[in-house]
PDB file of all heavy atoms in Angstrom:
ATOM      1  N   ALA A   1       1.403  -7.268   5.991  1.00  0.00           N
ATOM      2  CA  ALA A   1       2.364  -7.388   7.087  1.00  0.00           C
ATOM      3  C   ALA A   1       2.379  -6.120   7.937  1.00  0.00           C
ATOM      4  O   ALA A   1       2.422  -6.189   9.180  1.00  0.00           O
ATOM      5  CB  ALA A   1       3.758  -7.669   6.524  1.00  0.00           C
ATOM      6  N   ALA A   2       2.336  -4.956   7.287  1.00  0.00           N
ATOM      7  CA  ALA A   2       2.334  -3.703   8.032  1.00  0.00           C
ATOM      8  C   ALA A   2       1.056  -3.558   8.857  1.00  0.00           C
ATOM      9  O   ALA A   2       1.099  -3.137  10.029  1.00  0.00           O
ATOM     10  CB  ALA A   2       2.482  -2.524   7.072  1.00  0.00           C
ATOM     11  N   ALA A   3      -0.072  -3.906   8.275  1.00  0.00           N
ATOM     12  CA  ALA A   3      -1.336  -3.820   9.006  1.00  0.00           C
ATOM     13  C   ALA A   3      -1.342  -4.762  10.202  1.00  0.00           C
ATOM     14  O   ALA A   3      -1.844  -4.416  11.279  1.00  0.00           O
ATOM     15  CB  ALA A   3      -2.498  -4.120   8.070  1.00  0.00           C
ATOM     16  N   ALA A   4      -0.786  -5.950  10.034  1.00  0.00           N
ATOM     17  CA  ALA A   4      -0.743  -6.923  11.126  1.00  0.00           C
ATOM     18  C   ALA A   4       0.090  -6.416  12.297  1.00  0.00           C
ATOM     19  O   ALA A   4      -0.163  -6.779  13.455  1.00  0.00           O
ATOM     20  CB  ALA A   4      -0.192  -8.253  10.617  1.00  0.00           C
ATOM     21  N   ASP A   5       1.068  -5.560  12.013  1.00  0.00           N
ATOM     22  CA  ASP A   5       1.894  -4.990  13.073  1.00  0.00           C
ATOM     23  C   ASP A   5       1.318  -3.696  13.637  1.00  0.00           C
ATOM     24  O   ASP A   5       1.972  -3.033  14.457  1.00  0.00           O
ATOM     25  CB  ASP A   5       3.311  -4.743  12.553  1.00  0.00           C
ATOM     26  CG  ASP A   5       4.142  -6.020  12.503  1.00  0.00           C
ATOM     27  OD1 ASP A   5       3.892  -6.920  13.325  1.00  0.00           O
ATOM     28  OD2 ASP A   5       5.044  -6.110  11.634  1.00  0.00           O
ATOM     29  N   GLY A   6       0.132  -3.328  13.208  1.00  0.00           N
ATOM     30  CA  GLY A   6      -0.542  -2.178  13.790  1.00  0.00           C
ATOM     31  C   GLY A   6      -0.346  -0.861  13.076  1.00  0.00           C
ATOM     32  O   GLY A   6      -0.834   0.175  13.542  1.00  0.00           O
ATOM     33  N   PHE A   7       0.371  -0.850  11.949  1.00  0.00           N
ATOM     34  CA  PHE A   7       0.504   0.391  11.186  1.00  0.00           C
ATOM     35  C   PHE A   7      -0.824   0.740  10.531  1.00  0.00           C
ATOM     36  O   PHE A   7      -1.540  -0.128  10.040  1.00  0.00           O
ATOM     37  CB  PHE A   7       1.579   0.250  10.114  1.00  0.00           C
ATOM     38  CG  PHE A   7       2.989   0.271  10.643  1.00  0.00           C
ATOM     39  CD1 PHE A   7       3.721  -0.903  10.752  1.00  0.00           C
ATOM     40  CD2 PHE A   7       3.583   1.463  11.025  1.00  0.00           C
ATOM     41  CE1 PHE A   7       5.023  -0.892  11.240  1.00  0.00           C
ATOM     42  CE2 PHE A   7       4.886   1.494  11.514  1.00  0.00           C
ATOM     43  CZ  PHE A   7       5.610   0.313  11.627  1.00  0.00           C
ATOM     44  N   GLN A   8      -1.118   2.032  10.500  1.00  0.00           N
ATOM     45  CA  GLN A   8      -2.327   2.513   9.838  1.00  0.00           C
ATOM     46  C   GLN A   8      -2.022   3.302   8.571  1.00  0.00           C
ATOM     47  O   GLN A   8      -2.928   3.617   7.801  1.00  0.00           O
ATOM     48  CB  GLN A   8      -3.147   3.369  10.802  1.00  0.00           C
ATOM     49  CG  GLN A   8      -3.652   2.580  12.010  1.00  0.00           C
ATOM     50  CD  GLN A   8      -4.471   3.439  12.961  1.00  0.00           C
ATOM     51  OE1 GLN A   8      -4.217   4.645  13.113  1.00  0.00           O
ATOM     52  NE2 GLN A   8      -5.451   2.840  13.599  1.00  0.00           N
ATOM     53  N   GLY A   9      -0.744   3.613   8.363  1.00  0.00           N
ATOM     54  CA  GLY A   9      -0.331   4.341   7.175  1.00  0.00           C
ATOM     55  C   GLY A   9       0.888   3.704   6.550  1.00  0.00           C
ATOM     56  O   GLY A   9       1.665   3.021   7.233  1.00  0.00           O
ATOM     57  N   VAL A  10       1.049   3.895   5.234  1.00  0.00           N
ATOM     58  CA  VAL A  10       2.217   3.376   4.522  1.00  0.00           C
ATOM     59  C   VAL A  10       2.744   4.433   3.558  1.00  0.00           C
ATOM     60  O   VAL A  10       2.016   5.302   3.081  1.00  0.00           O
ATOM     61  CB  VAL A  10       1.910   2.079   3.738  1.00  0.00           C
ATOM     62  CG1 VAL A  10       1.551   0.945   4.686  1.00  0.00           C
ATOM     63  CG2 VAL A  10       0.818   2.290   2.713  1.00  0.00           C
ATOM     64  N   GLU A  11       4.038   4.331   3.299  1.00  0.00           N
ATOM     65  CA  GLU A  11       4.703   5.116   2.274  1.00  0.00           C
ATOM     66  C   GLU A  11       5.669   4.190   1.557  1.00  0.00           C
ATOM     67  O   GLU A  11       5.949   3.087   2.026  1.00  0.00           O
ATOM     68  CB  GLU A  11       5.464   6.295   2.892  1.00  0.00           C
ATOM     69  CG  GLU A  11       6.589   5.862   3.840  1.00  0.00           C
ATOM     70  CD  GLU A  11       7.394   7.024   4.391  1.00  0.00           C
ATOM     71  OE1 GLU A  11       6.791   8.073   4.692  1.00  0.00           O
ATOM     72  OE2 GLU A  11       8.627   6.874   4.520  1.00  0.00           O
ATOM     73  N   TYR A  12       6.156   4.608   0.403  1.00  0.00           N
ATOM     74  CA  TYR A  12       7.177   3.857  -0.324  1.00  0.00           C
ATOM     75  C   TYR A  12       7.754   4.776  -1.378  1.00  0.00           C
ATOM     76  O   TYR A  12       7.252   5.888  -1.595  1.00  0.00           O
ATOM     77  CB  TYR A  12       6.627   2.568  -0.943  1.00  0.00           C
ATOM     78  CG  TYR A  12       5.216   2.660  -1.478  1.00  0.00           C
ATOM     79  CD1 TYR A  12       4.936   3.265  -2.693  1.00  0.00           C
ATOM     80  CD2 TYR A  12       4.152   2.128  -0.756  1.00  0.00           C
ATOM     81  CE1 TYR A  12       3.649   3.341  -3.179  1.00  0.00           C
ATOM     82  CE2 TYR A  12       2.859   2.191  -1.229  1.00  0.00           C
ATOM     83  CZ  TYR A  12       2.609   2.802  -2.442  1.00  0.00           C
ATOM     84  OH  TYR A  12       1.323   2.894  -2.914  1.00  0.00           O
ATOM     85  N   LEU A  13       8.836   4.334  -2.012  1.00  0.00           N
ATOM     86  CA  LEU A  13       9.498   5.214  -2.962  1.00  0.00           C
ATOM     87  C   LEU A  13       8.633   5.497  -4.185  1.00  0.00           C
ATOM     88  O   LEU A  13       8.311   6.649  -4.468  1.00  0.00           O
ATOM     89  CB  LEU A  13      10.842   4.597  -3.395  1.00  0.00           C
ATOM     90  CG  LEU A  13      11.935   4.552  -2.335  1.00  0.00           C
ATOM     91  CD1 LEU A  13      13.190   3.888  -2.908  1.00  0.00           C
ATOM     92  CD2 LEU A  13      12.268   5.946  -1.821  1.00  0.00           C
ATOM     93  N   PHE A  14       8.266   4.461  -4.924  1.00  0.00           N
ATOM     94  CA  PHE A  14       7.596   4.664  -6.204  1.00  0.00           C
ATOM     95  C   PHE A  14       6.470   3.653  -6.397  1.00  0.00           C
ATOM     96  O   PHE A  14       6.665   2.461  -6.172  1.00  0.00           O
ATOM     97  CB  PHE A  14       8.601   4.516  -7.355  1.00  0.00           C
ATOM     98  CG  PHE A  14       9.858   5.323  -7.162  1.00  0.00           C
ATOM     99  CD1 PHE A  14      11.061   4.702  -6.895  1.00  0.00           C
ATOM    100  CD2 PHE A  14       9.822   6.705  -7.222  1.00  0.00           C
ATOM    101  CE1 PHE A  14      12.220   5.430  -6.694  1.00  0.00           C
ATOM    102  CE2 PHE A  14      10.977   7.453  -7.025  1.00  0.00           C
ATOM    103  CZ  PHE A  14      12.178   6.814  -6.761  1.00  0.00           C
ATOM    104  N   PRO A  15       5.317   4.096  -6.861  1.00  0.00           N
ATOM    105  CA  PRO A  15       4.194   3.196  -7.105  1.00  0.00           C
ATOM    106  C   PRO A  15       4.048   2.736  -8.553  1.00  0.00           C
ATOM    107  O   PRO A  15       3.148   1.949  -8.867  1.00  0.00           O
ATOM    108  CB  PRO A  15       2.994   4.066  -6.720  1.00  0.00           C
ATOM    109  CG  PRO A  15       3.408   5.434  -7.169  1.00  0.00           C
ATOM    110  CD  PRO A  15       4.906   5.511  -6.946  1.00  0.00           C
ATOM    111  N   TYR A  16       4.915   3.184  -9.451  1.00  0.00           N
ATOM    112  CA  TYR A  16       4.595   3.167 -10.872  1.00  0.00           C
ATOM    113  C   TYR A  16       4.710   1.794 -11.536  1.00  0.00           C
ATOM    114  O   TYR A  16       4.287   1.626 -12.675  1.00  0.00           O
ATOM    115  CB  TYR A  16       5.447   4.212 -11.600  1.00  0.00           C
ATOM    116  CG  TYR A  16       5.384   5.550 -10.897  1.00  0.00           C
ATOM    117  CD1 TYR A  16       6.482   6.040 -10.177  1.00  0.00           C
ATOM    118  CD2 TYR A  16       4.202   6.290 -10.889  1.00  0.00           C
ATOM    119  CE1 TYR A  16       6.414   7.235  -9.494  1.00  0.00           C
ATOM    120  CE2 TYR A  16       4.125   7.491 -10.201  1.00  0.00           C
ATOM    121  CZ  TYR A  16       5.230   7.957  -9.504  1.00  0.00           C
ATOM    122  OH  TYR A  16       5.147   9.132  -8.800  1.00  0.00           O
ATOM    123  N   THR A  17       5.270   0.818 -10.836  1.00  0.00           N
ATOM    124  CA  THR A  17       5.316  -0.548 -11.365  1.00  0.00           C
ATOM    125  C   THR A  17       3.925  -1.184 -11.368  1.00  0.00           C
ATOM    126  O   THR A  17       3.654  -2.089 -12.153  1.00  0.00           O
ATOM    127  CB  THR A  17       6.286  -1.413 -10.530  1.00  0.00           C
ATOM    128  OG1 THR A  17       7.582  -0.827 -10.601  1.00  0.00           O
ATOM    129  CG2 THR A  17       6.349  -2.845 -11.045  1.00  0.00           C
ATOM    130  N   TRP A  18       3.048  -0.670 -10.506  1.00  0.00           N
ATOM    131  CA  TRP A  18       1.718  -1.233 -10.343  1.00  0.00           C
ATOM    132  C   TRP A  18       0.670  -0.226 -10.798  1.00  0.00           C
ATOM    133  O   TRP A  18       0.890   0.982 -10.766  1.00  0.00           O
ATOM    134  CB  TRP A  18       1.467  -1.608  -8.871  1.00  0.00           C
ATOM    135  CG  TRP A  18       2.425  -2.640  -8.374  1.00  0.00           C
ATOM    136  CD1 TRP A  18       2.274  -4.000  -8.402  1.00  0.00           C
ATOM    137  CD2 TRP A  18       3.721  -2.411  -7.798  1.00  0.00           C
ATOM    138  NE1 TRP A  18       3.382  -4.617  -7.880  1.00  0.00           N
ATOM    139  CE2 TRP A  18       4.281  -3.675  -7.492  1.00  0.00           C
ATOM    140  CE3 TRP A  18       4.453  -1.260  -7.491  1.00  0.00           C
ATOM    141  CZ2 TRP A  18       5.535  -3.816  -6.911  1.00  0.00           C
ATOM    142  CZ3 TRP A  18       5.705  -1.382  -6.919  1.00  0.00           C
ATOM    143  CH2 TRP A  18       6.236  -2.656  -6.636  1.00  0.00           C
ATOM    144  N   GLN A  19      -0.489  -0.731 -11.191  1.00  0.00           N
ATOM    145  CA  GLN A  19      -1.596   0.152 -11.516  1.00  0.00           C
ATOM    146  C   GLN A  19      -2.141   0.758 -10.217  1.00  0.00           C
ATOM    147  O   GLN A  19      -2.189   0.087  -9.190  1.00  0.00           O
ATOM    148  CB  GLN A  19      -2.706  -0.618 -12.234  1.00  0.00           C
ATOM    149  CG  GLN A  19      -2.329  -1.074 -13.631  1.00  0.00           C
ATOM    150  CD  GLN A  19      -1.986   0.088 -14.544  1.00  0.00           C
ATOM    151  OE1 GLN A  19      -2.728   1.076 -14.614  1.00  0.00           O
ATOM    152  NE2 GLN A  19      -0.868  -0.017 -15.251  1.00  0.00           N
ATOM    153  N   PRO A  20      -2.544   2.015 -10.242  1.00  0.00           N
ATOM    154  CA  PRO A  20      -3.017   2.640  -9.001  1.00  0.00           C
ATOM    155  C   PRO A  20      -4.218   1.921  -8.390  1.00  0.00           C
ATOM    156  O   PRO A  20      -4.346   1.855  -7.165  1.00  0.00           O
ATOM    157  CB  PRO A  20      -3.352   4.074  -9.422  1.00  0.00           C
ATOM    158  CG  PRO A  20      -3.504   4.035 -10.911  1.00  0.00           C
ATOM    159  CD  PRO A  20      -2.578   2.959 -11.379  1.00  0.00           C
ATOM    160  N   GLU A  21      -5.082   1.366  -9.238  1.00  0.00           N
ATOM    161  CA  GLU A  21      -6.253   0.656  -8.720  1.00  0.00           C
ATOM    162  C   GLU A  21      -5.851  -0.598  -7.949  1.00  0.00           C
ATOM    163  O   GLU A  21      -6.504  -0.969  -6.965  1.00  0.00           O
ATOM    164  CB  GLU A  21      -7.202   0.299  -9.865  1.00  0.00           C
ATOM    165  CG  GLU A  21      -7.855   1.493 -10.536  1.00  0.00           C
ATOM    166  CD  GLU A  21      -6.942   2.236 -11.488  1.00  0.00           C
ATOM    167  OE1 GLU A  21      -5.862   1.693 -11.833  1.00  0.00           O
ATOM    168  OE2 GLU A  21      -7.291   3.364 -11.904  1.00  0.00           O
ATOM    169  N   GLU A  22      -4.777  -1.250  -8.377  1.00  0.00           N
ATOM    170  CA  GLU A  22      -4.278  -2.431  -7.671  1.00  0.00           C
ATOM    171  C   GLU A  22      -3.779  -2.049  -6.284  1.00  0.00           C
ATOM    172  O   GLU A  22      -4.063  -2.736  -5.287  1.00  0.00           O
ATOM    173  CB  GLU A  22      -3.148  -3.078  -8.480  1.00  0.00           C
ATOM    174  CG  GLU A  22      -2.545  -4.320  -7.835  1.00  0.00           C
ATOM    175  CD  GLU A  22      -1.387  -4.886  -8.629  1.00  0.00           C
ATOM    176  OE1 GLU A  22      -1.002  -4.282  -9.654  1.00  0.00           O
ATOM    177  OE2 GLU A  22      -0.856  -5.937  -8.222  1.00  0.00           O
ATOM    178  N   LEU A  23      -3.049  -0.959  -6.205  1.00  0.00           N
ATOM    179  CA  LEU A  23      -2.547  -0.507  -4.911  1.00  0.00           C
ATOM    180  C   LEU A  23      -3.678  -0.019  -4.016  1.00  0.00           C
ATOM    181  O   LEU A  23      -3.677  -0.267  -2.797  1.00  0.00           O
ATOM    182  CB  LEU A  23      -1.511   0.591  -5.117  1.00  0.00           C
ATOM    183  CG  LEU A  23      -0.246   0.184  -5.885  1.00  0.00           C
ATOM    184  CD1 LEU A  23       0.637   1.400  -6.141  1.00  0.00           C
ATOM    185  CD2 LEU A  23       0.529  -0.888  -5.142  1.00  0.00           C
ATOM    186  N   LYS A  24      -4.641   0.672  -4.599  1.00  0.00           N
ATOM    187  CA  LYS A  24      -5.777   1.139  -3.814  1.00  0.00           C
ATOM    188  C   LYS A  24      -6.532  -0.033  -3.195  1.00  0.00           C
ATOM    189  O   LYS A  24      -6.967   0.035  -2.031  1.00  0.00           O
ATOM    190  CB  LYS A  24      -6.716   1.970  -4.690  1.00  0.00           C
ATOM    191  CG  LYS A  24      -7.917   2.527  -3.933  1.00  0.00           C
ATOM    192  CD  LYS A  24      -8.815   3.359  -4.833  1.00  0.00           C
ATOM    193  CE  LYS A  24     -10.011   3.904  -4.059  1.00  0.00           C
ATOM    194  NZ  LYS A  24     -10.899   4.730  -4.933  1.00  0.00           N
ATOM    195  N   ALA A  25      -6.681  -1.113  -3.956  1.00  0.00           N
ATOM    196  CA  ALA A  25      -7.368  -2.294  -3.430  1.00  0.00           C
ATOM    197  C   ALA A  25      -6.620  -2.871  -2.236  1.00  0.00           C
ATOM    198  O   ALA A  25      -7.241  -3.316  -1.253  1.00  0.00           O
ATOM    199  CB  ALA A  25      -7.522  -3.343  -4.528  1.00  0.00           C
ATOM    200  N   LEU A  26      -5.293  -2.878  -2.282  1.00  0.00           N
ATOM    201  CA  LEU A  26      -4.509  -3.380  -1.157  1.00  0.00           C
ATOM    202  C   LEU A  26      -4.665  -2.477   0.068  1.00  0.00           C
ATOM    203  O   LEU A  26      -4.782  -2.959   1.201  1.00  0.00           O
ATOM    204  CB  LEU A  26      -3.033  -3.481  -1.548  1.00  0.00           C
ATOM    205  CG  LEU A  26      -2.685  -4.587  -2.544  1.00  0.00           C
ATOM    206  CD1 LEU A  26      -1.263  -4.404  -3.068  1.00  0.00           C
ATOM    207  CD2 LEU A  26      -2.831  -5.960  -1.890  1.00  0.00           C
ATOM    208  N   LEU A  27      -4.679  -1.178  -0.161  1.00  0.00           N
ATOM    209  CA  LEU A  27      -4.882  -0.249   0.954  1.00  0.00           C
ATOM    210  C   LEU A  27      -6.238  -0.470   1.612  1.00  0.00           C
ATOM    211  O   LEU A  27      -6.347  -0.546   2.844  1.00  0.00           O
ATOM    212  CB  LEU A  27      -4.783   1.193   0.447  1.00  0.00           C
ATOM    213  CG  LEU A  27      -3.417   1.668  -0.047  1.00  0.00           C
ATOM    214  CD1 LEU A  27      -3.559   2.990  -0.798  1.00  0.00           C
ATOM    215  CD2 LEU A  27      -2.440   1.826   1.108  1.00  0.00           C
ATOM    216  N   GLN A  28      -7.262  -0.597   0.797  1.00  0.00           N
ATOM    217  CA  GLN A  28      -8.601  -0.778   1.333  1.00  0.00           C
ATOM    218  C   GLN A  28      -8.745  -2.127   2.028  1.00  0.00           C
ATOM    219  O   GLN A  28      -9.375  -2.222   3.092  1.00  0.00           O
ATOM    220  CB  GLN A  28      -9.628  -0.636   0.207  1.00  0.00           C
ATOM    221  CG  GLN A  28      -9.717   0.776  -0.350  1.00  0.00           C
ATOM    222  CD  GLN A  28     -10.691   0.881  -1.507  1.00  0.00           C
ATOM    223  OE1 GLN A  28     -10.954  -0.082  -2.222  1.00  0.00           O
ATOM    224  NE2 GLN A  28     -11.238   2.078  -1.717  1.00  0.00           N
TER     225      GLN A  28
END
């Protein structure tokens, strides 16, 4: 959703519910 609105960067409070590799895949 953020990418569709033209954002190129994201932040959030905490990533620890998810494995870092899962989040990295979403970023890529």
